[in-house]
Amino acid sequence: MKPRWIESPLISATWLVAACAVLIWIPVEAAFTRYCVNNYDLGIYGQALRQLSFANPNPWLSVREINLFNDHLDPVLFLLLPFKHINLLGAHPGRIILRFEMIVALATAGIFFWMARARAISFAMATFLAFFILFNRAGLGALTYPAHPGTWSILPLGLACWFLWQERWRAAIVAFFFCLLCKEEYPVVGIAAASALFLTGKRRPAAWFFACSTAWGILAFFIRPMILGSSGQYTGSVENAEGLAYLADPEKLMAVALWTLSWMLPLVPLWWAGFRDNGFRRAALIKAMPILAIVASLLAIRVAGGWWFSHRSVAPVTALAFASALLLPVKRAPRWLWPVASFLLVATSWQALRPSLRYWTGKDIARHCPADAARLTSLDQATDKLLAERDGKALVQGNLIPRLVDRENIHHLGATKEDPASFRWLLVEKNGLGQHWPGTAGSVSETVRQWRESPDVRVVIDDQNALLLERRRQGPAQ
């Protein structure tokens, strides 16, 4: 007899939301509060949301030193503009996008319960896959590394897979259009899905997917650079097949292989049981070909571009979970299946959940951001001071930036390309704490030394935890 929580979608969904809140959402918000999260990407998209408007549709992001849509083409951000004014998800741009990302992840997991209600899969399988979407290694990599529209794309991606299986073509193309709004890799994905639809005789939906993806691809890869200027950093990696060179390094290849195994392993028992129940069904395989094409194209883009870690694998893993559920539904689960699959999910995710467990046991979430009350008070005072003094450019350590995106002219220490003499302010943590990436602890110390030795610099705050310096005469901005 199966446990009641596996058979009841309401109880299962309640457990899912509770687990997500306790193990992901609350600790990630705590990491934001404790200055644990780097500018990449929460600070970048926080400033993007803060400055984006219909009057300023391509704002300059000082924290990235690039205009928003010259970096990624992700106009899905326009859909978040109302949240800046209604405070439904909070008032701070960083909290808004962090909470939006968590809601998107939960909604994506909820699609599996919808599929169960439609009798496409069992409620037991829906429950496991809902937990898998949130707690697989790639999913945790994305949700604990906030925030990015590429992660938000998993909701329309999951819906597109489900609608393709149901052959609800209009709904599928609408869902896929929202994928296009999230990241510029999706035109390639849409053309792959269109090719699979064409080969399986679905000519009309194939034409829709092809036309929509081609039009968006022209916008992203040709019209955008013509109007906005250079925007090829990420697409250039794919075009130049930098990922193949990346995988040619044995150490990097091993890292990618272990990463892939960590999120794939919990699905293996489901694949075995699903194939045992269904065998090789040619009709089902043909029906699933567009979804499999989506999975294959997403993985191929990563092989070509070399983008695997943090949030970058969550889309193909999500698509693979939906493909597994629809093509290989487990109808007669052996008694050992769900305990074994759950054990593999926990075992492969354990390392990524350790910061959350440390938070709930009263320990520091990470070494670089201890929850010391004096540290937090000092950093709060320093950031408040910088928010109050809005004139002049500020050079700031990366983990302090997400809390400062309400201020313009914030630049990332270690990532800026601008003239060091053009900055009025320097704000860093002391005691070697905080995140130094993409710089180093040594480069931060050297920057502080140079500022302290300058006769034009005065100390604004210099306590045990924070250092805020002001340069009275700045050179010209570059």
Protein backbone atom coordinates (compact mmCIF):
# COMPACT_ATOMS: atom_id res chain seq x y z
CA MET A 1 0.00 0.00 0.00
CA LYS A 2 1.41 3.38 -1.05
CA PRO A 3 1.77 6.23 1.45
CA ARG A 4 -1.14 8.63 1.39
CA TRP A 5 1.06 11.61 0.53
CA ILE A 6 2.09 9.95 -2.73
CA GLU A 7 -1.53 9.39 -3.79
CA SER A 8 -2.88 12.83 -2.82
CA PRO A 9 -1.89 15.71 -5.12
CA LEU A 10 -2.86 18.28 -2.48
CA ILE A 11 -0.69 16.70 0.21
CA SER A 12 2.16 16.15 -2.26
CA ALA A 13 1.99 19.76 -3.47
CA THR A 14 1.97 21.00 0.12
CA TRP A 15 5.08 18.96 0.92
CA LEU A 16 6.70 20.28 -2.27
CA VAL A 17 6.06 23.94 -1.43
CA ALA A 18 7.19 23.43 2.16
CA ALA A 19 10.40 21.69 1.10
CA CYS A 20 11.15 24.40 -1.45
CA ALA A 21 10.52 27.15 1.10
CA VAL A 22 12.63 25.54 3.81
CA LEU A 23 15.52 24.21 1.74
CA ILE A 24 15.76 26.77 -1.08
CA TRP A 25 13.67 29.93 -0.87
CA ILE A 26 14.22 31.07 2.73
CA PRO A 27 17.98 30.29 2.76
CA VAL A 28 18.48 32.09 -0.57
CA GLU A 29 16.66 35.16 0.76
CA ALA A 30 18.84 34.96 3.85
CA ALA A 31 21.93 34.82 1.61
CA PHE A 32 20.72 38.00 -0.08
CA THR A 33 20.23 39.71 3.29
CA ARG A 34 23.67 38.57 4.51
CA TYR A 35 25.57 39.86 1.47
CA CYS A 36 26.41 36.37 0.22
CA VAL A 37 25.19 36.69 -3.39
CA ASN A 38 27.44 37.96 -6.16
CA ASN A 39 26.59 40.71 -8.62
CA TYR A 40 26.53 38.01 -11.31
CA ASP A 41 23.57 37.67 -11.83
CA LEU A 42 21.31 39.02 -9.08
CA GLY A 43 22.90 42.46 -9.11
CA ILE A 44 22.86 42.64 -12.90
CA TYR A 45 19.19 41.80 -13.29
CA GLY A 46 18.26 43.76 -10.18
CA GLN A 47 19.72 46.89 -11.74
CA ALA A 48 18.12 45.98 -15.06
CA LEU A 49 14.68 45.83 -13.46
CA ARG A 50 15.36 49.01 -11.50
CA GLN A 51 16.22 51.03 -14.61
CA LEU A 52 14.12 49.35 -17.30
CA SER A 53 11.03 51.16 -18.53
CA PHE A 54 9.20 51.74 -21.80
CA ALA A 55 10.85 55.18 -21.86
CA ASN A 56 14.28 53.59 -21.26
CA PRO A 57 13.99 50.20 -23.02
CA ASN A 58 17.72 49.41 -23.17
CA PRO A 59 19.26 50.88 -20.01
CA TRP A 60 22.96 51.10 -19.30
CA LEU A 61 23.90 48.60 -16.60
CA SER A 62 26.86 50.02 -14.74
CA VAL A 63 27.27 46.80 -12.75
CA ARG A 64 27.93 44.97 -16.04
CA GLU A 65 29.14 47.98 -18.02
CA ILE A 66 26.92 47.16 -20.96
CA ASN A 67 23.46 48.04 -22.17
CA LEU A 68 20.91 45.46 -21.09
CA PHE A 69 19.96 43.98 -24.46
CA ASN A 70 23.52 44.07 -25.76
CA ASP A 71 24.23 41.39 -23.16
CA HIS A 72 21.27 39.02 -23.44
CA LEU A 73 18.04 39.44 -25.39
CA ASP A 74 15.58 38.77 -22.57
CA PRO A 75 12.57 41.12 -22.93
CA VAL A 76 10.68 38.93 -20.46
CA LEU A 77 11.91 41.55 -17.98
CA PHE A 78 9.20 43.90 -19.26
CA LEU A 79 6.63 41.53 -17.74
CA LEU A 80 8.09 42.24 -14.31
CA LEU A 81 7.71 46.02 -14.55
CA PRO A 82 4.32 46.10 -12.75
CA PHE A 83 5.91 44.44 -9.72
CA LYS A 84 8.10 47.52 -9.25
CA HIS A 85 5.00 49.52 -8.40
CA ILE A 86 2.58 47.17 -6.64
CA ASN A 87 5.10 45.71 -4.13
CA LEU A 88 3.44 42.30 -4.35
CA LEU A 89 6.86 40.62 -4.35
CA GLY A 90 8.60 43.30 -2.30
CA ALA A 91 10.03 46.74 -2.96
CA HIS A 92 13.68 45.98 -3.69
CA PRO A 93 14.41 44.93 -7.31
CA GLY A 94 16.65 42.11 -6.11
CA ARG A 95 13.95 40.62 -3.93
CA ILE A 96 11.37 40.96 -6.71
CA ILE A 97 13.34 38.91 -9.21
CA LEU A 98 14.52 36.43 -6.58
CA ARG A 99 10.93 35.72 -5.52
CA PHE A 100 9.69 35.67 -9.09
CA GLU A 101 12.29 33.02 -9.88
CA MET A 102 11.15 30.83 -6.98
CA ILE A 103 7.50 31.12 -8.02
CA VAL A 104 8.41 30.18 -11.59
CA ALA A 105 10.25 27.08 -10.36
CA LEU A 106 7.31 25.98 -8.21
CA ALA A 107 4.86 26.56 -11.06
CA THR A 108 7.04 24.45 -13.36
CA ALA A 109 7.02 21.61 -10.84
CA GLY A 110 3.24 21.98 -10.60
CA ILE A 111 2.83 21.08 -14.29
CA PHE A 112 3.49 17.46 -13.40
CA PHE A 113 0.41 17.40 -11.14
CA TRP A 114 -1.60 18.80 -14.04
CA MET A 115 -0.26 15.97 -16.20
CA ALA A 116 -1.28 13.46 -13.51
CA ARG A 117 -4.81 14.87 -13.41
CA ALA A 118 -4.93 14.39 -17.18
CA ARG A 119 -3.88 10.75 -16.57
CA ALA A 120 -0.72 11.13 -18.64
CA ILE A 121 1.38 9.99 -15.66
CA SER A 122 0.70 8.61 -12.19
CA PHE A 123 0.50 10.90 -9.16
CA ALA A 124 3.49 9.07 -7.71
CA MET A 125 5.56 9.88 -10.78
CA ALA A 126 4.25 13.46 -10.79
CA THR A 127 5.31 13.87 -7.17
CA PHE A 128 8.79 12.56 -7.76
CA LEU A 129 9.37 14.63 -10.90
CA ALA A 130 8.02 17.76 -9.21
CA PHE A 131 10.63 17.29 -6.48
CA PHE A 132 13.22 16.43 -9.12
CA ILE A 133 12.69 19.71 -11.00
CA LEU A 134 13.45 21.70 -7.85
CA PHE A 135 16.07 19.53 -6.18
CA ASN A 136 18.11 17.98 -8.97
CA ARG A 137 21.68 19.26 -9.05
CA ALA A 138 21.13 21.53 -12.05
CA GLY A 139 17.92 22.95 -10.60
CA LEU A 140 19.60 23.73 -7.31
CA GLY A 141 22.53 25.19 -9.19
CA ALA A 142 20.13 27.68 -10.78
CA LEU A 143 17.93 28.49 -7.80
CA THR A 144 20.81 28.98 -5.38
CA TYR A 145 22.62 31.16 -7.93
CA PRO A 146 19.97 33.84 -8.52
CA ALA A 147 18.76 35.21 -10.79
CA HIS A 148 18.53 34.74 -14.56
CA PRO A 149 15.80 34.74 -17.25
CA GLY A 150 17.32 31.51 -18.53
CA THR A 151 16.02 29.91 -15.33
CA TRP A 152 12.62 31.57 -15.77
CA SER A 153 12.33 29.94 -19.19
CA ILE A 154 11.72 26.53 -17.61
CA LEU A 155 8.04 27.36 -17.00
CA PRO A 156 7.10 28.11 -20.63
CA LEU A 157 9.49 25.33 -21.70
CA GLY A 158 7.66 22.77 -19.57
CA LEU A 159 4.30 24.01 -20.84
CA ALA A 160 5.50 23.85 -24.44
CA CYS A 161 6.59 20.21 -23.95
CA TRP A 162 3.24 19.29 -22.41
CA PHE A 163 1.23 21.06 -25.13
CA LEU A 164 3.32 19.48 -27.88
CA TRP A 165 2.55 16.05 -26.45
CA GLN A 166 -1.16 16.89 -26.35
CA GLU A 167 -0.92 18.29 -29.89
CA ARG A 168 -2.36 21.57 -28.73
CA TRP A 169 -0.37 23.46 -31.29
CA ARG A 170 -1.54 27.01 -30.63
CA ALA A 171 -0.93 26.67 -26.91
CA ALA A 172 2.49 25.14 -27.63
CA ILE A 173 3.59 28.01 -29.86
CA VAL A 174 2.35 30.62 -27.36
CA ALA A 175 4.27 28.90 -24.55
CA PHE A 176 7.35 28.65 -26.72
CA PHE A 177 7.13 32.35 -27.57
CA PHE A 178 7.70 33.10 -23.87
CA CYS A 179 10.82 30.91 -24.06
CA LEU A 180 12.06 33.17 -26.84
CA LEU A 181 11.55 36.17 -24.55
CA CYS A 182 13.90 34.63 -21.97
CA LYS A 183 17.09 33.80 -23.85
CA GLU A 184 18.56 34.00 -27.33
CA GLU A 185 19.28 30.27 -27.56
CA TYR A 186 15.63 29.42 -28.14
CA PRO A 187 15.43 30.28 -31.88
CA VAL A 188 17.79 27.35 -32.46
CA VAL A 189 15.65 25.18 -30.18
CA GLY A 190 12.47 26.19 -32.02
CA ILE A 191 13.96 25.35 -35.41
CA ALA A 192 14.96 21.92 -34.06
CA ALA A 193 11.39 21.36 -32.82
CA ALA A 194 10.02 22.55 -36.17
CA SER A 195 12.26 20.06 -38.01
CA ALA A 196 11.00 17.20 -35.84
CA LEU A 197 7.38 18.25 -36.38
CA PHE A 198 7.96 18.40 -40.14
CA LEU A 199 9.54 14.94 -40.21
CA THR A 200 6.59 13.48 -38.31
CA GLY A 201 4.06 14.96 -40.74
CA LYS A 202 2.91 17.89 -38.60
CA ARG A 203 3.51 20.44 -41.33
CA ARG A 204 1.35 23.30 -40.08
CA PRO A 205 2.69 23.49 -36.49
CA ALA A 206 6.15 22.94 -37.94
CA ALA A 207 5.67 26.05 -40.06
CA TRP A 208 4.53 28.04 -37.00
CA PHE A 209 7.54 27.00 -34.94
CA PHE A 210 9.91 27.63 -37.84
CA ALA A 211 8.48 31.05 -38.69
CA CYS A 212 8.40 32.23 -35.08
CA SER A 213 11.91 30.98 -34.32
CA THR A 214 13.39 32.29 -37.56
CA ALA A 215 11.83 35.72 -37.07
CA TRP A 216 13.13 35.90 -33.52
CA GLY A 217 16.54 34.64 -34.62
CA ILE A 218 16.75 37.41 -37.22
CA LEU A 219 15.81 39.93 -34.54
CA ALA A 220 18.31 38.55 -32.04
CA PHE A 221 21.31 37.87 -34.26
CA PHE A 222 21.01 40.42 -37.09
CA ILE A 223 18.66 43.31 -36.32
CA ARG A 224 19.69 43.69 -32.67
CA PRO A 225 23.42 44.21 -33.38
CA MET A 226 22.57 46.48 -36.32
CA ILE A 227 20.51 48.74 -34.05
CA LEU A 228 22.18 48.35 -30.66
CA GLY A 229 25.74 47.48 -31.58
CA SER A 230 27.87 44.48 -30.62
CA SER A 231 26.03 41.74 -28.75
CA GLY A 232 27.89 38.58 -29.61
CA GLN A 233 29.66 37.48 -26.43
CA TYR A 234 27.50 34.42 -25.81
CA THR A 235 26.47 33.61 -29.36
CA GLY A 236 30.11 33.94 -30.37
CA SER A 237 31.02 31.16 -27.96
CA VAL A 238 28.63 28.82 -29.74
CA GLU A 239 29.59 29.95 -33.24
CA ASN A 240 33.26 29.42 -32.49
CA ALA A 241 32.60 26.05 -30.82
CA GLU A 242 34.50 27.16 -27.72
CA GLY A 243 32.74 24.41 -25.79
CA LEU A 244 34.50 21.72 -27.82
CA ALA A 245 37.86 23.17 -26.86
CA TYR A 246 36.63 23.35 -23.27
CA LEU A 247 35.75 19.64 -23.30
CA ALA A 248 39.11 18.79 -24.85
CA ASP A 249 40.67 19.53 -21.46
CA PRO A 250 40.50 16.24 -19.51
CA GLU A 251 39.91 17.96 -16.16
CA LYS A 252 37.08 20.10 -17.52
CA LEU A 253 35.61 17.13 -19.34
CA MET A 254 35.59 15.19 -16.07
CA ALA A 255 33.92 18.10 -14.27
CA VAL A 256 31.17 18.27 -16.90
CA ALA A 257 30.75 14.48 -16.83
CA LEU A 258 30.37 14.41 -13.04
CA TRP A 259 27.98 17.38 -13.18
CA THR A 260 25.86 15.62 -15.82
CA LEU A 261 25.88 12.36 -13.88
CA SER A 262 24.77 14.17 -10.72
CA TRP A 263 21.50 15.37 -12.25
CA MET A 264 20.94 12.38 -14.52
CA LEU A 265 21.34 9.61 -11.96
CA PRO A 266 17.95 10.06 -10.20
CA LEU A 267 16.17 9.59 -13.54
CA VAL A 268 17.84 6.29 -14.37
CA PRO A 269 15.48 4.10 -12.26
CA LEU A 270 12.50 5.83 -13.90
CA TRP A 271 13.90 5.16 -17.34
CA TRP A 272 14.36 1.49 -16.48
CA ALA A 273 10.84 1.10 -15.06
CA GLY A 274 9.28 3.17 -17.82
CA PHE A 275 10.92 1.15 -20.57
CA ARG A 276 9.90 -2.07 -18.80
CA ASP A 277 6.27 -0.89 -18.77
CA ASN A 278 6.14 0.57 -22.27
CA GLY A 279 8.80 -1.15 -24.30
CA PHE A 280 9.68 0.40 -27.64
CA ARG A 281 6.58 2.18 -28.85
CA ARG A 282 7.16 3.64 -32.28
CA ALA A 283 4.01 5.78 -32.13
CA ALA A 284 5.02 7.28 -28.77
CA LEU A 285 8.55 7.92 -30.01
CA ILE A 286 7.23 9.76 -33.07
CA LYS A 287 4.91 11.78 -30.87
CA ALA A 288 7.77 12.70 -28.56
CA MET A 289 10.22 13.65 -31.31
CA PRO A 290 9.67 17.45 -31.02
CA ILE A 291 10.33 17.25 -27.27
CA LEU A 292 13.40 15.09 -27.81
CA ALA A 293 14.59 17.59 -30.43
CA ILE A 294 14.25 20.34 -27.82
CA VAL A 295 16.35 18.34 -25.35
CA ALA A 296 18.99 17.51 -27.97
CA SER A 297 19.30 21.10 -29.21
CA LEU A 298 19.62 22.53 -25.70
CA LEU A 299 22.38 20.05 -24.91
CA ALA A 300 24.09 20.67 -28.27
CA ILE A 301 24.19 24.42 -27.57
CA ARG A 302 25.97 23.71 -24.30
CA VAL A 303 28.41 21.34 -25.93
CA ALA A 304 29.22 23.99 -28.54
CA GLY A 305 29.32 26.97 -26.18
CA GLY A 306 30.81 25.43 -23.07
CA TRP A 307 28.14 26.78 -20.70
CA TRP A 308 27.27 24.06 -18.17
CA PHE A 309 27.31 25.16 -14.55
CA SER A 310 25.28 27.38 -12.21
CA HIS A 311 21.96 28.13 -13.98
CA ARG A 312 23.05 27.02 -17.43
CA SER A 313 21.92 23.37 -17.38
CA VAL A 314 18.47 23.86 -15.85
CA ALA A 315 16.67 24.19 -19.21
CA PRO A 316 17.85 20.91 -20.81
CA VAL A 317 17.35 19.04 -17.53
CA THR A 318 13.79 20.36 -17.28
CA ALA A 319 13.02 19.40 -20.87
CA LEU A 320 14.51 15.94 -20.28
CA ALA A 321 12.29 15.44 -17.22
CA PHE A 322 9.19 16.19 -19.29
CA ALA A 323 10.38 13.95 -22.11
CA SER A 324 10.99 11.13 -19.63
CA ALA A 325 7.54 11.50 -18.09
CA LEU A 326 5.68 11.54 -21.39
CA LEU A 327 7.66 8.98 -23.37
CA LEU A 328 8.34 6.51 -20.54
CA PRO A 329 5.53 6.84 -17.97
CA VAL A 330 5.89 4.41 -15.09
CA LYS A 331 2.61 2.48 -14.90
CA ARG A 332 3.49 -0.36 -12.52
CA ALA A 333 6.18 0.89 -10.19
CA PRO A 334 8.08 -1.82 -8.33
CA ARG A 335 8.10 -1.33 -4.58
CA TRP A 336 11.72 -0.24 -4.57
CA LEU A 337 11.44 2.38 -7.34
CA TRP A 338 10.45 5.54 -5.51
CA PRO A 339 12.65 4.92 -2.45
CA VAL A 340 15.68 4.28 -4.69
CA ALA A 341 14.99 7.23 -6.99
CA SER A 342 14.42 9.50 -3.97
CA PHE A 343 17.64 8.30 -2.35
CA LEU A 344 19.57 9.08 -5.54
CA LEU A 345 17.99 12.53 -5.70
CA VAL A 346 18.96 13.30 -2.11
CA ALA A 347 22.44 11.80 -2.49
CA THR A 348 23.26 13.80 -5.61
CA SER A 349 21.79 17.03 -4.20
CA TRP A 350 23.23 16.81 -0.71
CA GLN A 351 26.28 18.94 -1.39
CA ALA A 352 24.19 21.74 -2.92
CA LEU A 353 21.82 21.70 0.07
CA ARG A 354 24.55 22.03 2.69
CA PRO A 355 24.36 25.87 2.81
CA SER A 356 20.63 25.59 3.57
CA LEU A 357 21.25 23.06 6.31
CA ARG A 358 23.96 25.29 7.74
CA TYR A 359 21.49 28.18 7.79
CA TRP A 360 18.87 26.20 9.73
CA THR A 361 21.44 24.93 12.23
CA GLY A 362 22.52 28.50 13.00
CA LYS A 363 25.82 28.32 11.13
CA ASP A 364 27.14 30.61 8.42
CA ILE A 365 25.66 29.99 4.97
CA ALA A 366 29.13 30.33 3.48
CA ARG A 367 32.58 31.26 4.74
CA HIS A 368 32.71 34.52 2.83
CA CYS A 369 29.52 35.89 4.45
CA PRO A 370 29.33 35.08 8.19
CA ALA A 371 26.05 35.99 9.89
CA ASP A 372 27.88 38.04 12.48
CA ALA A 373 25.59 40.81 13.73
CA ALA A 374 28.38 43.38 13.84
CA ARG A 375 29.36 42.57 10.25
CA LEU A 376 25.80 42.95 8.99
CA THR A 377 25.32 46.21 10.89
CA SER A 378 28.54 47.66 9.46
CA LEU A 379 27.69 46.66 5.92
CA ASP A 380 24.14 47.97 6.27
CA GLN A 381 25.49 51.32 7.44
CA ALA A 382 28.03 51.48 4.62
CA THR A 383 25.52 50.59 1.91
CA ASP A 384 22.98 53.03 3.36
CA LYS A 385 25.61 55.76 3.25
CA LEU A 386 26.38 55.00 -0.38
CA LEU A 387 22.69 54.99 -1.27
CA ALA A 388 22.34 58.38 0.38
CA GLU A 389 25.37 59.77 -1.50
CA ARG A 390 24.25 59.29 -5.09
CA ASP A 391 26.70 61.59 -6.86
CA GLY A 392 29.75 60.00 -8.42
CA LYS A 393 30.71 56.52 -9.53
CA ALA A 394 31.24 53.84 -6.91
CA LEU A 395 33.58 50.85 -7.12
CA VAL A 396 32.05 48.09 -5.00
CA GLN A 397 32.90 44.52 -4.06
CA GLY A 398 30.72 42.04 -5.92
CA ASN A 399 28.69 40.57 -3.05
CA LEU A 400 27.66 44.06 -1.87
CA ILE A 401 26.21 45.11 -5.23
CA PRO A 402 22.83 43.27 -5.16
CA ARG A 403 21.79 45.40 -2.18
CA LEU A 404 22.85 48.61 -3.95
CA VAL A 405 21.09 48.38 -7.32
CA ASP A 406 18.75 51.24 -6.40
CA ARG A 407 21.77 53.49 -6.95
CA GLU A 408 23.12 54.37 -10.39
CA ASN A 409 26.85 54.32 -11.20
CA ILE A 410 27.69 51.21 -9.19
CA HIS A 411 30.61 49.29 -10.72
CA HIS A 412 31.93 45.82 -9.92
CA LEU A 413 35.37 45.76 -8.33
CA GLY A 414 37.43 43.23 -10.28
CA ALA A 415 35.24 43.43 -13.38
CA THR A 416 35.29 47.10 -14.33
CA LYS A 417 37.10 48.32 -17.43
CA GLU A 418 36.81 51.98 -16.53
CA ASP A 419 39.60 54.30 -15.41
CA PRO A 420 40.32 53.72 -11.70
CA ALA A 421 40.79 57.46 -11.21
CA SER A 422 37.22 58.15 -12.40
CA PHE A 423 35.62 56.63 -9.29
CA ARG A 424 34.55 58.76 -6.36
CA TRP A 425 33.74 55.92 -3.96
CA LEU A 426 35.28 52.59 -2.98
CA LEU A 427 33.36 50.14 -0.79
CA VAL A 428 34.77 46.78 0.27
CA GLU A 429 34.52 44.28 3.10
CA LYS A 430 37.44 43.85 5.44
CA ASN A 431 38.96 40.71 7.01
CA GLY A 432 39.24 39.05 3.59
CA LEU A 433 35.50 38.43 3.55
CA GLY A 434 33.05 38.85 0.71
CA GLN A 435 33.34 37.54 -2.83
CA HIS A 436 36.31 38.73 -4.86
CA TRP A 437 35.39 37.04 -8.16
CA PRO A 438 36.10 37.81 -10.96
CA GLY A 439 39.03 39.50 -9.25
CA THR A 440 41.17 38.03 -6.49
CA ALA A 441 41.74 38.79 -2.84
CA GLY A 442 45.13 40.16 -3.83
CA SER A 443 43.71 42.53 -6.43
CA VAL A 444 41.16 43.85 -3.93
CA SER A 445 43.92 44.46 -1.35
CA GLU A 446 46.03 46.23 -3.98
CA THR A 447 43.11 48.48 -4.96
CA VAL A 448 42.54 49.40 -1.31
CA ARG A 449 46.26 50.12 -0.84
CA GLN A 450 46.34 52.44 -3.85
CA TRP A 451 43.29 54.33 -2.66
CA ARG A 452 44.61 54.71 0.88
CA GLU A 453 47.92 56.08 -0.39
CA SER A 454 46.26 58.73 -2.54
CA PRO A 455 46.26 62.21 -0.96
CA ASP A 456 42.87 62.93 -2.55
CA VAL A 457 41.14 60.12 -0.67
CA ARG A 458 39.41 60.46 2.67
CA VAL A 459 38.03 57.77 4.96
CA VAL A 460 34.24 57.82 5.35
CA ILE A 461 33.79 54.50 7.19
CA ASP A 462 36.59 52.33 8.50
CA ASP A 463 35.43 49.92 11.17
CA GLN A 464 36.12 46.26 11.86
CA ASN A 465 34.06 45.06 8.90
CA ALA A 466 33.56 47.73 6.22
CA LEU A 467 35.71 50.26 4.43
CA LEU A 468 34.17 53.17 2.52
CA LEU A 469 36.58 55.65 0.94
CA GLU A 470 35.86 58.83 -1.04
CA ARG A 471 38.09 60.39 -3.69
CA ARG A 472 37.58 64.13 -3.67
CA ARG A 473 38.81 64.76 -7.22
CA GLN A 474 37.89 62.28 -9.91
CA GLY A 475 39.44 61.90 -13.34
CA PRO A 476 37.26 61.90 -16.45
CA ALA A 477 34.97 58.93 -16.91
CA GLN A 478 35.85 56.62 -19.75
